[in-house]
Amino acid sequence: MEINKKAAGALGGCDTIDDVEGIFQLFGIAGLREKIEHIIFAMGSPMVFMVPGDGTVESEYATVLSMFLTERAESGK
């Protein structure tokens, strides 16, 4: 999968789940794996270690999205 750098850059202006989903809709990014990769890229491609949880891609997406929005809130953008 190739990262859409414009979409990843646009994620930098997001503060809410609705903002993030709006960017994904605008750029036609629908798959959860694709969304996860774009969010991780937008965070500067940190090494991400996942807690197994229930093992679903939905759980992984929710965790990465939460990390992204928490980082944004704590850094004040």
C-alpha atoms as a PDB file:
ATOM      1  CA  MET A   1       0.000   0.000   0.000  1.00  0.00           C
ATOM      2  CA  GLU A   2       1.221   3.459  -0.859  1.00  0.00           C
ATOM      3  CA  ILE A   3       0.694   6.356   1.539  1.00  0.00           C
ATOM      4  CA  ASN A   4      -1.175   9.340   0.145  1.00  0.00           C
ATOM      5  CA  LYS A   5       1.095  12.042   1.581  1.00  0.00           C
ATOM      6  CA  LYS A   6      -1.503  14.772   1.044  1.00  0.00           C
ATOM      7  CA  ALA A   7      -4.044  12.805   3.078  1.00  0.00           C
ATOM      8  CA  ALA A   8      -1.469  12.072   5.791  1.00  0.00           C
ATOM      9  CA  GLY A   9      -0.550  15.755   5.903  1.00  0.00           C
ATOM     10  CA  ALA A  10      -4.195  16.746   6.151  1.00  0.00           C
ATOM     11  CA  LEU A  11      -4.573  14.471   9.172  1.00  0.00           C
ATOM     12  CA  GLY A  12      -2.249  16.877  10.986  1.00  0.00           C
ATOM     13  CA  GLY A  13      -5.134  19.348  11.248  1.00  0.00           C
ATOM     14  CA  CYS A  14      -7.518  16.868  12.836  1.00  0.00           C
ATOM     15  CA  ASP A  15      -8.686  17.127  16.436  1.00  0.00           C
ATOM     16  CA  THR A  16     -11.614  14.702  16.489  1.00  0.00           C
ATOM     17  CA  ILE A  17     -12.655  11.312  15.176  1.00  0.00           C
ATOM     18  CA  ASP A  18     -15.086  13.080  12.825  1.00  0.00           C
ATOM     19  CA  ASP A  19     -12.217  15.218  11.465  1.00  0.00           C
ATOM     20  CA  VAL A  20     -10.111  12.108  10.801  1.00  0.00           C
ATOM     21  CA  GLU A  21     -12.980  10.249   9.157  1.00  0.00           C
ATOM     22  CA  GLY A  22     -13.738  13.321   7.034  1.00  0.00           C
ATOM     23  CA  ILE A  23     -10.175  13.322   5.695  1.00  0.00           C
ATOM     24  CA  PHE A  24     -10.378   9.624   4.923  1.00  0.00           C
ATOM     25  CA  GLN A  25     -13.673  10.139   3.115  1.00  0.00           C
ATOM     26  CA  LEU A  26     -12.304  13.130   1.180  1.00  0.00           C
ATOM     27  CA  PHE A  27      -9.315  11.105  -0.054  1.00  0.00           C
ATOM     28  CA  GLY A  28     -11.243   7.862  -0.618  1.00  0.00           C
ATOM     29  CA  ILE A  29      -9.403   5.892   2.063  1.00  0.00           C
ATOM     30  CA  ALA A  30     -11.799   3.201   3.236  1.00  0.00           C
ATOM     31  CA  GLY A  31      -9.902   0.150   4.460  1.00  0.00           C
ATOM     32  CA  LEU A  32      -8.973  -0.048   8.129  1.00  0.00           C
ATOM     33  CA  ARG A  33      -5.411  -1.235   7.396  1.00  0.00           C
ATOM     34  CA  GLU A  34      -4.988   1.684   5.004  1.00  0.00           C
ATOM     35  CA  LYS A  35      -6.341   4.107   7.622  1.00  0.00           C
ATOM     36  CA  ILE A  36      -3.984   2.691  10.264  1.00  0.00           C
ATOM     37  CA  GLU A  37      -0.964   3.129   7.988  1.00  0.00           C
ATOM     38  CA  HIS A  38      -1.911   6.724   7.157  1.00  0.00           C
ATOM     39  CA  ILE A  39      -2.362   7.646  10.826  1.00  0.00           C
ATOM     40  CA  ILE A  40       0.974   6.079  11.766  1.00  0.00           C
ATOM     41  CA  PHE A  41       2.664   7.959   8.910  1.00  0.00           C
ATOM     42  CA  ALA A  42       1.009  11.210  10.070  1.00  0.00           C
ATOM     43  CA  MET A  43       2.494  10.614  13.545  1.00  0.00           C
ATOM     44  CA  GLY A  44       5.984  10.468  12.045  1.00  0.00           C
ATOM     45  CA  SER A  45       6.102   6.689  11.623  1.00  0.00           C
ATOM     46  CA  PRO A  46       6.870   5.790  15.247  1.00  0.00           C
ATOM     47  CA  MET A  47       7.523   2.197  16.215  1.00  0.00           C
ATOM     48  CA  VAL A  48       4.109   0.974  17.332  1.00  0.00           C
ATOM     49  CA  PHE A  49       3.733  -2.013  19.611  1.00  0.00           C
ATOM     50  CA  MET A  50       0.201  -3.279  19.889  1.00  0.00           C
ATOM     51  CA  VAL A  51      -1.364  -4.979  22.868  1.00  0.00           C
ATOM     52  CA  PRO A  52      -3.098  -8.086  21.529  1.00  0.00           C
ATOM     53  CA  GLY A  53      -6.566  -7.063  22.751  1.00  0.00           C
ATOM     54  CA  ASP A  54      -9.207  -8.989  20.866  1.00  0.00           C
ATOM     55  CA  GLY A  55      -6.971  -9.295  17.825  1.00  0.00           C
ATOM     56  CA  THR A  56      -9.273  -7.550  15.369  1.00  0.00           C
ATOM     57  CA  VAL A  57      -8.273  -4.866  12.899  1.00  0.00           C
ATOM     58  CA  GLU A  58     -11.125  -2.760  14.314  1.00  0.00           C
ATOM     59  CA  SER A  59      -9.485  -2.867  17.746  1.00  0.00           C
ATOM     60  CA  GLU A  60      -6.101  -1.983  16.249  1.00  0.00           C
ATOM     61  CA  TYR A  61      -7.612   0.972  14.372  1.00  0.00           C
ATOM     62  CA  ALA A  62      -9.369   2.248  17.506  1.00  0.00           C
ATOM     63  CA  THR A  63      -6.085   2.054  19.453  1.00  0.00           C
ATOM     64  CA  VAL A  64      -4.012   3.851  16.801  1.00  0.00           C
ATOM     65  CA  LEU A  65      -6.693   6.514  16.325  1.00  0.00           C
ATOM     66  CA  SER A  66      -6.829   7.091  20.081  1.00  0.00           C
ATOM     67  CA  MET A  67      -3.033   7.388  20.271  1.00  0.00           C
ATOM     68  CA  PHE A  68      -3.042   9.890  17.407  1.00  0.00           C
ATOM     69  CA  LEU A  69      -5.766  12.113  18.876  1.00  0.00           C
ATOM     70  CA  THR A  70      -4.257  11.940  22.381  1.00  0.00           C
ATOM     71  CA  GLU A  71      -0.857  12.967  21.018  1.00  0.00           C
ATOM     72  CA  ARG A  72      -2.477  15.870  19.161  1.00  0.00           C
ATOM     73  CA  ALA A  73      -4.314  17.059  22.289  1.00  0.00           C
ATOM     74  CA  GLU A  74      -1.254  16.790  24.539  1.00  0.00           C
ATOM     75  CA  SER A  75       1.063  18.572  22.131  1.00  0.00           C
ATOM     76  CA  GLY A  76      -1.388  21.391  21.544  1.00  0.00           C
ATOM     77  CA  LYS A  77      -0.997  20.582  17.840  1.00  0.00           C
END
